[in-house]
């Protein structure tokens, strides 16, 4: 639940902060992601190994954010994306284990399923960001070339693709970007069809068993 709250705050409040402070867009992205990492780690404090590992990631992410504040570098930006990507993938794995392979279906697991969906969208946005940095021009359309604003355009594109809305205002332009896009669309459909349906079915089965 804490991780879900942190992700929602990140997705809603960070773009507003970026609009108010456009010159510090990339710094805002790094710092808000670092806070998200800290909250995510704290929500899993019962797992000591993950807690210590997550604290290390949070500290490294904070160090990169401070470093980028003084030295603008593509290498630092890529390193920041990789740290965030690594943390979010680990969080996704832990969330899936918690939701699918432990205990009965309850409200916390339903919240967990929403968290997983948000994590998938953000992870793919980071992958798009890496492709765009490594191969400039991988995406075209209504993209802004100001600091971290492009990252938010890719967040938008990621969730539009995940939900298969496909507005077409941002387009993948090479095979790497297109492959990621259709893989995300497939992942989004499979997630809704399999995981959420399984959770709801198991929840209804538990209720029926309790009544009987």
N, C-alpha and C. Protein backbone atom coordinates (compact mmCIF):
# COMPACT_ATOMS: atom_id res chain seq x y z
N UNK A 1 0.82 -1.20 0.00
CA UNK A 1 0.00 0.00 0.00
C UNK A 1 0.87 1.26 0.00
N UNK A 2 1.97 1.23 0.78
CA UNK A 2 2.87 2.38 0.83
C UNK A 2 3.54 2.61 -0.53
N UNK A 3 3.95 1.51 -1.16
CA UNK A 3 4.58 1.63 -2.47
C UNK A 3 3.60 2.17 -3.50
N UNK A 4 2.35 1.72 -3.44
CA UNK A 4 1.33 2.24 -4.35
C UNK A 4 1.15 3.75 -4.16
N UNK A 5 1.07 4.18 -2.90
CA UNK A 5 0.92 5.61 -2.61
C UNK A 5 2.11 6.41 -3.15
N UNK A 6 3.31 5.85 -2.98
CA UNK A 6 4.51 6.53 -3.47
C UNK A 6 4.51 6.64 -4.99
N UNK A 7 4.11 5.57 -5.67
CA UNK A 7 4.06 5.59 -7.14
C UNK A 7 3.02 6.58 -7.66
N UNK A 8 1.86 6.61 -7.02
CA UNK A 8 0.82 7.55 -7.44
C UNK A 8 1.28 9.00 -7.21
N UNK A 9 1.91 9.25 -6.06
CA UNK A 9 2.43 10.59 -5.79
C UNK A 9 3.48 10.98 -6.82
N UNK A 10 4.33 10.02 -7.17
CA UNK A 10 5.36 10.27 -8.18
C UNK A 10 4.75 10.62 -9.53
N UNK A 11 3.74 9.86 -9.94
CA UNK A 11 3.13 10.06 -11.25
C UNK A 11 2.29 11.34 -11.33
N UNK A 12 1.73 11.76 -10.19
CA UNK A 12 0.84 12.93 -10.20
C UNK A 12 1.57 14.22 -9.85
N UNK A 13 2.40 14.18 -8.80
CA UNK A 13 3.01 15.41 -8.29
C UNK A 13 4.28 15.81 -9.02
N UNK A 14 5.06 14.82 -9.48
CA UNK A 14 6.33 15.16 -10.13
C UNK A 14 6.16 16.00 -11.40
N UNK A 15 5.19 15.67 -12.28
CA UNK A 15 5.01 16.53 -13.46
C UNK A 15 4.62 17.96 -13.09
N UNK A 16 3.85 18.12 -12.00
CA UNK A 16 3.48 19.47 -11.56
C UNK A 16 4.71 20.24 -11.10
N UNK A 17 5.58 19.56 -10.34
CA UNK A 17 6.81 20.20 -9.89
C UNK A 17 7.69 20.57 -11.07
N UNK A 18 7.71 19.71 -12.07
CA UNK A 18 8.52 19.97 -13.26
C UNK A 18 8.00 21.19 -14.02
N UNK A 19 6.67 21.36 -14.06
CA UNK A 19 6.10 22.53 -14.73
C UNK A 19 6.48 23.81 -14.01
N UNK A 20 6.57 23.74 -12.69
CA UNK A 20 6.92 24.93 -11.91
C UNK A 20 8.41 25.24 -11.97
N UNK A 21 9.23 24.18 -12.12
CA UNK A 21 10.69 24.36 -12.15
C UNK A 21 11.27 23.64 -13.37
N UNK A 22 10.99 24.14 -14.58
CA UNK A 22 11.41 23.43 -15.79
C UNK A 22 12.92 23.28 -15.95
N UNK A 23 13.69 24.21 -15.38
CA UNK A 23 15.13 24.13 -15.52
C UNK A 23 15.74 23.01 -14.69
N UNK A 24 14.99 22.52 -13.73
CA UNK A 24 15.50 21.46 -12.85
C UNK A 24 14.74 20.16 -13.09
N UNK A 25 14.26 19.95 -14.31
CA UNK A 25 13.38 18.82 -14.60
C UNK A 25 14.04 17.48 -14.29
N UNK A 26 15.26 17.25 -14.80
CA UNK A 26 15.90 15.95 -14.59
C UNK A 26 16.24 15.72 -13.13
N UNK A 27 16.59 16.80 -12.41
CA UNK A 27 16.90 16.68 -10.99
C UNK A 27 15.65 16.27 -10.22
N UNK A 28 14.51 16.86 -10.58
CA UNK A 28 13.25 16.53 -9.93
C UNK A 28 12.92 15.06 -10.14
N UNK A 29 13.12 14.56 -11.37
CA UNK A 29 12.86 13.15 -11.66
C UNK A 29 13.71 12.27 -10.76
N UNK A 30 15.01 12.58 -10.66
CA UNK A 30 15.92 11.76 -9.86
C UNK A 30 15.56 11.76 -8.38
N UNK A 31 15.29 12.94 -7.84
CA UNK A 31 14.99 13.03 -6.41
C UNK A 31 13.67 12.37 -6.07
N UNK A 32 12.66 12.57 -6.91
CA UNK A 32 11.37 11.95 -6.60
C UNK A 32 11.44 10.43 -6.73
N UNK A 33 12.21 9.95 -7.68
CA UNK A 33 12.40 8.51 -7.79
C UNK A 33 13.16 7.97 -6.58
N UNK A 34 14.13 8.74 -6.07
CA UNK A 34 14.86 8.31 -4.88
C UNK A 34 13.92 8.18 -3.69
N UNK A 35 13.03 9.15 -3.54
CA UNK A 35 12.04 9.10 -2.45
C UNK A 35 11.14 7.88 -2.62
N UNK A 36 10.75 7.60 -3.87
CA UNK A 36 9.93 6.41 -4.14
C UNK A 36 10.66 5.14 -3.73
N UNK A 37 11.96 5.07 -4.03
CA UNK A 37 12.76 3.92 -3.63
C UNK A 37 12.77 3.76 -2.12
N UNK A 38 12.99 4.86 -1.41
CA UNK A 38 13.05 4.81 0.06
C UNK A 38 11.74 4.30 0.64
N UNK A 39 10.61 4.81 0.13
CA UNK A 39 9.30 4.38 0.62
C UNK A 39 9.06 2.91 0.28
N UNK A 40 9.46 2.52 -0.94
CA UNK A 40 9.31 1.12 -1.33
C UNK A 40 10.11 0.19 -0.46
N UNK A 41 11.33 0.59 -0.12
CA UNK A 41 12.18 -0.21 0.76
C UNK A 41 11.57 -0.28 2.15
N UNK A 42 11.09 0.84 2.66
CA UNK A 42 10.52 0.88 4.00
C UNK A 42 9.28 -0.01 4.10
N UNK A 43 8.51 -0.08 2.99
CA UNK A 43 7.30 -0.92 3.00
C UNK A 43 7.64 -2.40 3.06
N UNK A 44 8.88 -2.76 2.75
CA UNK A 44 9.32 -4.16 2.78
C UNK A 44 10.37 -4.38 3.85
N UNK A 45 10.25 -3.65 4.95
CA UNK A 45 11.27 -3.66 5.99
C UNK A 45 11.39 -5.02 6.68
N UNK A 46 10.34 -5.87 6.59
CA UNK A 46 10.40 -7.17 7.24
C UNK A 46 11.38 -8.12 6.56
N UNK A 47 11.74 -7.81 5.32
CA UNK A 47 12.75 -8.61 4.61
C UNK A 47 14.09 -7.90 4.77
N UNK A 48 14.92 -8.37 5.69
CA UNK A 48 16.14 -7.66 6.06
C UNK A 48 17.11 -7.52 4.88
N UNK A 49 17.31 -8.60 4.12
CA UNK A 49 18.25 -8.56 3.00
C UNK A 49 17.80 -7.54 1.96
N UNK A 50 16.52 -7.59 1.61
CA UNK A 50 16.00 -6.64 0.64
C UNK A 50 16.05 -5.22 1.18
N UNK A 51 15.79 -5.07 2.48
CA UNK A 51 15.82 -3.74 3.10
C UNK A 51 17.21 -3.13 2.98
N UNK A 52 18.25 -3.89 3.33
CA UNK A 52 19.62 -3.38 3.25
C UNK A 52 20.03 -3.12 1.80
N UNK A 53 19.64 -4.03 0.91
CA UNK A 53 19.95 -3.87 -0.50
C UNK A 53 19.26 -2.63 -1.06
N UNK A 54 18.00 -2.45 -0.69
CA UNK A 54 17.24 -1.30 -1.16
C UNK A 54 17.79 0.01 -0.63
N UNK A 55 18.24 0.01 0.61
CA UNK A 55 18.85 1.22 1.16
C UNK A 55 20.11 1.59 0.37
N UNK A 56 20.88 0.57 -0.01
CA UNK A 56 22.07 0.82 -0.82
C UNK A 56 21.71 1.43 -2.17
N UNK A 57 20.66 0.91 -2.79
CA UNK A 57 20.20 1.46 -4.06
C UNK A 57 19.72 2.90 -3.90
N UNK A 58 18.97 3.16 -2.83
CA UNK A 58 18.47 4.51 -2.58
C UNK A 58 19.62 5.49 -2.39
N UNK A 59 20.64 5.07 -1.63
CA UNK A 59 21.80 5.93 -1.38
C UNK A 59 22.53 6.21 -2.69
N UNK A 60 22.69 5.17 -3.52
CA UNK A 60 23.38 5.35 -4.80
C UNK A 60 22.58 6.25 -5.73
N UNK A 61 21.25 6.09 -5.73
CA UNK A 61 20.39 6.93 -6.55
C UNK A 61 20.47 8.38 -6.11
N UNK A 62 20.51 8.61 -4.79
CA UNK A 62 20.64 9.97 -4.28
C UNK A 62 21.98 10.58 -4.67
N UNK A 63 23.03 9.76 -4.61
CA UNK A 63 24.37 10.22 -5.01
C UNK A 63 24.38 10.64 -6.48
N UNK A 64 23.75 9.84 -7.35
CA UNK A 64 23.69 10.17 -8.77
C UNK A 64 22.87 11.44 -9.01
N UNK A 65 21.79 11.62 -8.24
CA UNK A 65 20.96 12.82 -8.39
C UNK A 65 21.76 14.06 -8.02
N UNK A 66 22.53 13.98 -6.92
CA UNK A 66 23.36 15.11 -6.51
C UNK A 66 24.48 15.36 -7.53
N UNK A 67 25.05 14.28 -8.05
CA UNK A 67 26.12 14.42 -9.03
C UNK A 67 25.62 15.08 -10.31
N UNK A 68 24.41 14.69 -10.72
CA UNK A 68 23.85 15.27 -11.94
C UNK A 68 23.49 16.74 -11.75
N UNK A 69 23.23 17.12 -10.49
CA UNK A 69 22.92 18.52 -10.21
C UNK A 69 24.12 19.41 -10.53
N UNK A 70 25.32 18.89 -10.31
CA UNK A 70 26.54 19.67 -10.55
C UNK A 70 27.18 19.38 -11.90
N UNK A 71 27.00 18.13 -12.40
CA UNK A 71 27.63 17.74 -13.66
C UNK A 71 26.59 17.06 -14.56
N UNK A 72 26.17 17.77 -15.59
CA UNK A 72 25.23 17.19 -16.54
C UNK A 72 25.98 16.25 -17.47
N UNK A 73 25.61 14.99 -17.42
CA UNK A 73 26.32 13.98 -18.20
C UNK A 73 25.36 12.88 -18.64
N UNK A 74 25.51 12.46 -19.89
CA UNK A 74 24.68 11.37 -20.39
C UNK A 74 24.96 10.08 -19.65
N UNK A 75 26.23 9.87 -19.28
CA UNK A 75 26.60 8.66 -18.56
C UNK A 75 25.90 8.60 -17.20
N UNK A 76 25.85 9.73 -16.49
CA UNK A 76 25.19 9.78 -15.18
C UNK A 76 23.69 9.53 -15.36
N UNK A 77 23.11 10.10 -16.41
CA UNK A 77 21.68 9.92 -16.67
C UNK A 77 21.37 8.45 -16.93
N UNK A 78 22.20 7.79 -17.75
CA UNK A 78 21.99 6.37 -18.05
C UNK A 78 22.16 5.54 -16.78
N UNK A 79 23.17 5.86 -15.96
CA UNK A 79 23.38 5.14 -14.71
C UNK A 79 22.17 5.29 -13.79
N UNK A 80 21.60 6.49 -13.74
CA UNK A 80 20.40 6.71 -12.91
C UNK A 80 19.24 5.87 -13.40
N UNK A 81 19.04 5.82 -14.72
CA UNK A 81 17.96 5.02 -15.28
C UNK A 81 18.16 3.53 -14.95
N UNK A 82 19.40 3.06 -15.03
CA UNK A 82 19.67 1.65 -14.77
C UNK A 82 19.42 1.30 -13.30
N UNK A 83 19.82 2.20 -12.38
CA UNK A 83 19.57 1.96 -10.96
C UNK A 83 18.08 1.89 -10.68
N UNK A 84 17.33 2.85 -11.24
CA UNK A 84 15.88 2.88 -11.03
C UNK A 84 15.23 1.65 -11.66
N UNK A 85 15.69 1.27 -12.84
CA UNK A 85 15.14 0.10 -13.52
C UNK A 85 15.39 -1.16 -12.71
N UNK A 86 16.58 -1.30 -12.17
CA UNK A 86 16.93 -2.47 -11.37
C UNK A 86 16.06 -2.55 -10.12
N UNK A 87 15.88 -1.42 -9.45
CA UNK A 87 15.05 -1.40 -8.25
C UNK A 87 13.60 -1.75 -8.56
N UNK A 88 13.05 -1.15 -9.62
CA UNK A 88 11.64 -1.37 -9.94
C UNK A 88 11.39 -2.81 -10.39
N UNK A 89 12.33 -3.41 -11.11
CA UNK A 89 12.16 -4.80 -11.52
C UNK A 89 12.17 -5.71 -10.30
N UNK A 90 13.07 -5.45 -9.35
CA UNK A 90 13.08 -6.22 -8.10
C UNK A 90 11.79 -6.03 -7.32
N UNK A 91 11.29 -4.79 -7.27
CA UNK A 91 10.02 -4.52 -6.59
C UNK A 91 8.88 -5.26 -7.27
N UNK A 92 8.91 -5.30 -8.60
CA UNK A 92 7.87 -6.01 -9.36
C UNK A 92 7.88 -7.49 -9.02
N UNK A 93 9.07 -8.10 -8.97
CA UNK A 93 9.18 -9.53 -8.66
C UNK A 93 8.65 -9.80 -7.25
N UNK A 94 9.03 -8.96 -6.28
CA UNK A 94 8.57 -9.14 -4.91
C UNK A 94 7.06 -8.97 -4.81
N UNK A 95 6.52 -7.98 -5.53
CA UNK A 95 5.07 -7.74 -5.50
C UNK A 95 4.31 -8.91 -6.10
N UNK A 96 4.82 -9.47 -7.19
CA UNK A 96 4.16 -10.61 -7.82
C UNK A 96 4.17 -11.82 -6.89
N UNK A 97 5.31 -12.05 -6.22
CA UNK A 97 5.38 -13.16 -5.26
C UNK A 97 4.38 -12.97 -4.14
N UNK A 98 4.25 -11.73 -3.66
CA UNK A 98 3.33 -11.45 -2.55
C UNK A 98 1.88 -11.63 -2.98
N UNK A 99 1.56 -11.15 -4.17
CA UNK A 99 0.17 -11.18 -4.63
C UNK A 99 -0.26 -12.58 -5.05
N UNK A 100 0.62 -13.30 -5.73
CA UNK A 100 0.22 -14.57 -6.35
C UNK A 100 0.53 -15.81 -5.52
N UNK A 101 1.54 -15.73 -4.66
CA UNK A 101 2.03 -16.96 -4.03
C UNK A 101 2.05 -16.92 -2.50
N UNK A 102 1.23 -16.10 -1.90
CA UNK A 102 1.22 -16.08 -0.43
C UNK A 102 -0.17 -15.76 0.11
N UNK A 103 -0.66 -16.64 0.98
CA UNK A 103 -1.89 -16.37 1.73
C UNK A 103 -3.14 -16.24 0.89
N UNK A 104 -4.21 -15.82 1.57
CA UNK A 104 -5.50 -15.64 0.94
C UNK A 104 -5.60 -14.27 0.28
N UNK A 105 -6.59 -14.15 -0.60
CA UNK A 105 -6.83 -12.90 -1.28
C UNK A 105 -7.48 -11.92 -0.30
N UNK A 106 -6.86 -10.75 -0.13
CA UNK A 106 -7.42 -9.71 0.73
C UNK A 106 -7.26 -8.36 0.05
N UNK A 107 -7.65 -7.31 0.77
CA UNK A 107 -7.58 -5.97 0.18
C UNK A 107 -6.16 -5.58 -0.17
N UNK A 108 -5.20 -6.01 0.66
CA UNK A 108 -3.81 -5.65 0.40
C UNK A 108 -3.31 -6.27 -0.90
N UNK A 109 -3.78 -7.47 -1.23
CA UNK A 109 -3.38 -8.11 -2.48
C UNK A 109 -4.02 -7.41 -3.68
N UNK A 110 -5.24 -6.94 -3.52
CA UNK A 110 -5.87 -6.18 -4.60
C UNK A 110 -5.09 -4.90 -4.85
N UNK A 111 -4.68 -4.23 -3.76
CA UNK A 111 -3.84 -3.05 -3.88
C UNK A 111 -2.52 -3.41 -4.56
N UNK A 112 -1.98 -4.57 -4.19
CA UNK A 112 -0.75 -5.04 -4.79
C UNK A 112 -0.86 -5.24 -6.30
N UNK A 113 -2.01 -5.71 -6.75
CA UNK A 113 -2.21 -5.92 -8.19
C UNK A 113 -2.20 -4.59 -8.94
N UNK A 114 -2.74 -3.54 -8.32
CA UNK A 114 -2.70 -2.20 -8.93
C UNK A 114 -1.26 -1.70 -8.97
N UNK A 115 -0.52 -1.94 -7.87
CA UNK A 115 0.89 -1.54 -7.81
C UNK A 115 1.70 -2.20 -8.91
N UNK A 116 1.45 -3.48 -9.14
CA UNK A 116 2.16 -4.21 -10.20
C UNK A 116 1.89 -3.56 -11.55
N UNK A 117 0.65 -3.18 -11.80
CA UNK A 117 0.29 -2.56 -13.08
C UNK A 117 1.05 -1.25 -13.29
N UNK A 118 1.12 -0.43 -12.23
CA UNK A 118 1.87 0.83 -12.33
C UNK A 118 3.35 0.57 -12.53
N UNK A 119 3.88 -0.43 -11.83
CA UNK A 119 5.30 -0.76 -11.97
C UNK A 119 5.63 -1.17 -13.41
N UNK A 120 4.74 -1.95 -14.02
CA UNK A 120 4.97 -2.38 -15.40
C UNK A 120 5.06 -1.16 -16.32
N UNK A 121 4.13 -0.23 -16.16
CA UNK A 121 4.13 0.97 -17.00
C UNK A 121 5.38 1.81 -16.82
N UNK A 122 5.82 1.99 -15.58
CA UNK A 122 7.00 2.81 -15.32
C UNK A 122 8.27 2.11 -15.79
N UNK A 123 8.35 0.80 -15.58
CA UNK A 123 9.52 0.04 -16.05
C UNK A 123 9.67 0.18 -17.56
N UNK A 124 8.58 0.05 -18.29
CA UNK A 124 8.67 0.17 -19.75
C UNK A 124 9.04 1.59 -20.16
N UNK A 125 8.58 2.60 -19.41
CA UNK A 125 8.96 3.98 -19.72
C UNK A 125 10.47 4.16 -19.57
N UNK A 126 11.05 3.54 -18.54
CA UNK A 126 12.51 3.60 -18.36
C UNK A 126 13.23 2.90 -19.50
N UNK A 127 12.68 1.77 -19.96
CA UNK A 127 13.28 1.07 -21.10
C UNK A 127 13.21 1.94 -22.36
N UNK A 128 12.08 2.61 -22.57
CA UNK A 128 11.97 3.53 -23.70
C UNK A 128 13.00 4.65 -23.57
N UNK A 129 13.17 5.15 -22.34
CA UNK A 129 14.14 6.22 -22.11
C UNK A 129 15.55 5.78 -22.45
N UNK A 130 15.90 4.55 -22.08
CA UNK A 130 17.23 4.04 -22.40
C UNK A 130 17.43 3.92 -23.91
N UNK A 131 16.40 3.42 -24.60
CA UNK A 131 16.49 3.29 -26.06
C UNK A 131 16.65 4.66 -26.70
N UNK A 132 15.90 5.64 -26.22
CA UNK A 132 15.97 6.99 -26.79
C UNK A 132 17.33 7.64 -26.54
N UNK A 133 17.92 7.39 -25.37
CA UNK A 133 19.24 7.95 -25.08
C UNK A 133 20.31 7.29 -25.93
N UNK A 134 20.24 5.97 -26.04
CA UNK A 134 21.27 5.23 -26.78
C UNK A 134 21.13 5.38 -28.29
N UNK A 135 19.87 5.48 -28.76
CA UNK A 135 19.62 5.63 -30.20
C UNK A 135 18.70 6.84 -30.37
N UNK A 136 19.28 8.00 -30.53
CA UNK A 136 18.49 9.22 -30.61
C UNK A 136 17.56 9.17 -31.82
N UNK A 137 16.32 9.63 -31.60
CA UNK A 137 15.33 9.60 -32.66
C UNK A 137 14.52 8.33 -32.71
N UNK A 138 14.59 7.53 -31.62
CA UNK A 138 13.82 6.29 -31.57
C UNK A 138 12.32 6.55 -31.49
N UNK A 139 11.96 7.75 -31.02
CA UNK A 139 10.54 8.12 -30.93
C UNK A 139 10.35 9.48 -31.59
N UNK A 140 9.19 9.66 -32.20
CA UNK A 140 8.86 10.95 -32.80
C UNK A 140 7.43 11.32 -32.42
N UNK A 141 7.10 12.58 -32.64
CA UNK A 141 5.76 13.05 -32.29
C UNK A 141 5.83 14.23 -31.35
N UNK A 142 4.85 14.32 -30.47
CA UNK A 142 4.75 15.46 -29.56
C UNK A 142 5.68 15.29 -28.37
N UNK A 143 6.98 15.25 -28.64
CA UNK A 143 7.98 15.13 -27.57
C UNK A 143 8.64 16.47 -27.34
N UNK A 144 8.91 16.77 -26.08
CA UNK A 144 9.61 18.00 -25.73
C UNK A 144 11.06 17.67 -25.42
N UNK A 145 11.97 18.50 -25.89
CA UNK A 145 13.39 18.24 -25.71
C UNK A 145 13.97 19.08 -24.58
N UNK A 146 13.27 19.13 -23.46
CA UNK A 146 13.73 19.93 -22.33
C UNK A 146 13.89 19.02 -21.13
N UNK A 147 15.14 18.68 -20.82
CA UNK A 147 15.45 17.91 -19.62
C UNK A 147 14.58 16.69 -19.46
N UNK A 148 14.00 16.57 -18.28
CA UNK A 148 13.22 15.38 -17.96
C UNK A 148 11.83 15.37 -18.54
N UNK A 149 11.43 16.45 -19.26
CA UNK A 149 10.08 16.47 -19.82
C UNK A 149 9.86 15.33 -20.80
N UNK A 150 10.92 14.96 -21.54
CA UNK A 150 10.81 13.84 -22.46
C UNK A 150 10.48 12.56 -21.71
N UNK A 151 11.02 12.41 -20.50
CA UNK A 151 10.73 11.23 -19.70
C UNK A 151 9.24 11.13 -19.41
N UNK A 152 8.60 12.25 -19.13
CA UNK A 152 7.17 12.23 -18.83
C UNK A 152 6.36 11.93 -20.09
N UNK A 153 6.84 12.38 -21.24
CA UNK A 153 6.18 11.99 -22.49
C UNK A 153 6.26 10.48 -22.68
N UNK A 154 7.39 9.88 -22.31
CA UNK A 154 7.53 8.43 -22.45
C UNK A 154 6.71 7.68 -21.40
N UNK A 155 6.53 8.27 -20.21
CA UNK A 155 5.60 7.70 -19.22
C UNK A 155 4.20 7.66 -19.81
N UNK A 156 3.81 8.78 -20.40
CA UNK A 156 2.49 8.87 -21.04
C UNK A 156 2.37 7.82 -22.14
N UNK A 157 3.37 7.74 -23.01
CA UNK A 157 3.35 6.78 -24.11
C UNK A 157 3.30 5.34 -23.58
N UNK A 158 4.01 5.08 -22.48
CA UNK A 158 4.04 3.74 -21.91
C UNK A 158 2.66 3.30 -21.44
N UNK A 159 1.97 4.14 -20.70
CA UNK A 159 0.66 3.75 -20.19
C UNK A 159 -0.40 3.72 -21.29
N UNK A 160 -0.27 4.58 -22.30
CA UNK A 160 -1.17 4.51 -23.45
C UNK A 160 -0.98 3.19 -24.19
N UNK A 161 0.29 2.75 -24.30
CA UNK A 161 0.58 1.47 -24.96
C UNK A 161 0.14 0.30 -24.09
N UNK A 162 0.39 0.38 -22.78
CA UNK A 162 0.03 -0.69 -21.86
C UNK A 162 -1.47 -0.97 -21.89
N UNK A 163 -2.25 0.08 -22.01
CA UNK A 163 -3.70 -0.07 -22.05
C UNK A 163 -4.24 -0.24 -23.47
N UNK A 164 -3.33 -0.29 -24.45
CA UNK A 164 -3.64 -0.45 -25.89
C UNK A 164 -4.57 0.65 -26.42
N UNK A 165 -4.48 1.86 -25.84
CA UNK A 165 -5.25 2.98 -26.38
C UNK A 165 -4.70 3.41 -27.74
N UNK A 166 -3.36 3.57 -27.81
CA UNK A 166 -2.70 3.87 -29.07
C UNK A 166 -3.19 5.14 -29.74
N UNK A 167 -3.01 6.29 -29.10
CA UNK A 167 -3.47 7.55 -29.69
C UNK A 167 -2.69 7.91 -30.96
N UNK A 168 -1.44 7.52 -31.04
CA UNK A 168 -0.66 7.79 -32.24
C UNK A 168 0.04 9.12 -32.26
N UNK A 169 -0.01 9.88 -31.14
CA UNK A 169 0.68 11.17 -31.11
C UNK A 169 2.18 11.02 -30.85
N UNK A 170 2.60 9.86 -30.34
CA UNK A 170 4.02 9.53 -30.19
C UNK A 170 4.23 8.18 -30.86
N UNK A 171 5.25 8.10 -31.71
CA UNK A 171 5.45 6.90 -32.51
C UNK A 171 6.84 6.32 -32.31
N UNK A 172 6.97 5.00 -32.14
CA UNK A 172 8.29 4.35 -32.15
C UNK A 172 8.81 4.30 -33.58
N UNK A 173 10.09 4.65 -33.77
CA UNK A 173 10.61 4.84 -35.11
C UNK A 173 11.62 3.79 -35.57
N UNK A 174 12.05 2.90 -34.68
CA UNK A 174 12.98 1.85 -35.11
C UNK A 174 12.55 0.51 -34.53
N UNK A 175 13.24 -0.54 -34.92
CA UNK A 175 12.82 -1.88 -34.53
C UNK A 175 12.90 -2.11 -33.03
N UNK A 176 13.88 -1.50 -32.35
CA UNK A 176 14.01 -1.68 -30.91
C UNK A 176 12.82 -1.07 -30.17
N UNK A 177 12.48 0.17 -30.53
CA UNK A 177 11.36 0.85 -29.89
C UNK A 177 10.04 0.15 -30.20
N UNK A 178 9.88 -0.29 -31.44
CA UNK A 178 8.64 -0.97 -31.82
C UNK A 178 8.49 -2.30 -31.12
N UNK A 179 9.61 -3.02 -30.98
CA UNK A 179 9.55 -4.30 -30.27
C UNK A 179 9.13 -4.11 -28.83
N UNK A 180 9.72 -3.12 -28.15
CA UNK A 180 9.33 -2.82 -26.77
C UNK A 180 7.86 -2.45 -26.69
N UNK A 181 7.37 -1.67 -27.68
CA UNK A 181 5.99 -1.21 -27.65
C UNK A 181 5.01 -2.37 -27.77
N UNK A 182 5.23 -3.27 -28.72
CA UNK A 182 4.25 -4.35 -28.85
C UNK A 182 4.38 -5.37 -27.73
N UNK A 183 5.60 -5.51 -27.17
CA UNK A 183 5.74 -6.40 -26.01
C UNK A 183 4.99 -5.84 -24.80
N UNK A 184 5.02 -4.52 -24.64
CA UNK A 184 4.27 -3.92 -23.53
C UNK A 184 2.77 -4.09 -23.73
N UNK A 185 2.30 -3.92 -24.96
CA UNK A 185 0.87 -4.10 -25.22
C UNK A 185 0.44 -5.53 -24.90
N UNK A 186 1.26 -6.50 -25.28
CA UNK A 186 0.96 -7.90 -24.98
C UNK A 186 0.96 -8.13 -23.47
N UNK A 187 1.99 -7.58 -22.78
CA UNK A 187 2.08 -7.75 -21.33
C UNK A 187 0.86 -7.16 -20.63
N UNK A 188 0.40 -6.00 -21.11
CA UNK A 188 -0.76 -5.37 -20.49
C UNK A 188 -2.02 -6.20 -20.64
N UNK A 189 -2.22 -6.78 -21.82
CA UNK A 189 -3.39 -7.61 -22.05
C UNK A 189 -3.34 -8.91 -21.26
N UNK A 190 -2.17 -9.55 -21.22
CA UNK A 190 -2.02 -10.77 -20.45
C UNK A 190 -2.21 -10.51 -18.96
N UNK A 191 -1.71 -9.35 -18.50
CA UNK A 191 -1.85 -9.03 -17.08
C UNK A 191 -3.32 -8.94 -16.69
N UNK A 192 -4.08 -8.17 -17.46
CA UNK A 192 -5.50 -8.01 -17.16
C UNK A 192 -6.23 -9.35 -17.26
N UNK A 193 -5.93 -10.10 -18.31
CA UNK A 193 -6.66 -11.35 -18.56
C UNK A 193 -6.34 -12.44 -17.56
N UNK A 194 -5.08 -12.51 -17.12
CA UNK A 194 -4.66 -13.63 -16.28
C UNK A 194 -4.60 -13.27 -14.81
N UNK A 195 -3.76 -12.29 -14.45
CA UNK A 195 -3.53 -12.02 -13.03
C UNK A 195 -4.77 -11.46 -12.34
N UNK A 196 -5.34 -10.39 -12.91
CA UNK A 196 -6.50 -9.77 -12.26
C UNK A 196 -7.67 -10.73 -12.22
N UNK A 197 -7.92 -11.44 -13.33
CA UNK A 197 -9.02 -12.41 -13.35
C UNK A 197 -8.81 -13.50 -12.31
N UNK A 198 -7.56 -13.95 -12.15
CA UNK A 198 -7.26 -14.98 -11.15
C UNK A 198 -7.49 -14.47 -9.74
N UNK A 199 -7.09 -13.22 -9.49
CA UNK A 199 -7.29 -12.64 -8.16
C UNK A 199 -8.78 -12.53 -7.82
N UNK A 200 -9.54 -12.02 -8.77
CA UNK A 200 -10.98 -11.87 -8.52
C UNK A 200 -11.63 -13.23 -8.33
N UNK A 201 -11.27 -14.21 -9.18
CA UNK A 201 -11.83 -15.55 -9.06
C UNK A 201 -11.48 -16.19 -7.73
N UNK A 202 -10.23 -16.06 -7.30
CA UNK A 202 -9.81 -16.63 -6.02
C UNK A 202 -10.52 -15.94 -4.86
N UNK A 203 -10.72 -14.64 -4.97
CA UNK A 203 -11.40 -13.89 -3.92
C UNK A 203 -12.86 -14.36 -3.80
N UNK A 204 -13.52 -14.55 -4.93
CA UNK A 204 -14.90 -15.02 -4.90
C UNK A 204 -14.99 -16.45 -4.37
N UNK A 205 -13.99 -17.27 -4.71
CA UNK A 205 -13.96 -18.65 -4.20
C UNK A 205 -13.80 -18.67 -2.69
N UNK A 206 -12.92 -17.80 -2.16
CA UNK A 206 -12.73 -17.71 -0.71
C UNK A 206 -14.00 -17.29 0.00
N UNK A 207 -14.70 -16.33 -0.61
CA UNK A 207 -15.97 -15.88 0.00
C UNK A 207 -17.01 -16.96 -0.01
N UNK A 208 -17.09 -17.70 -1.10
CA UNK A 208 -18.07 -18.78 -1.20
C UNK A 208 -17.75 -19.90 -0.20
N UNK A 209 -16.44 -20.23 -0.06
CA UNK A 209 -16.02 -21.25 0.90
C UNK A 209 -16.35 -20.80 2.33
N UNK A 210 -16.19 -19.52 2.61
CA UNK A 210 -16.49 -19.02 3.96
C UNK A 210 -17.99 -19.11 4.25
N UNK A 211 -18.83 -18.84 3.21
CA UNK A 211 -20.27 -18.92 3.39
C UNK A 211 -20.71 -20.37 3.62
N UNK A 212 -20.06 -21.29 2.86
CA UNK A 212 -20.44 -22.70 3.00
C UNK A 212 -19.97 -23.27 4.35
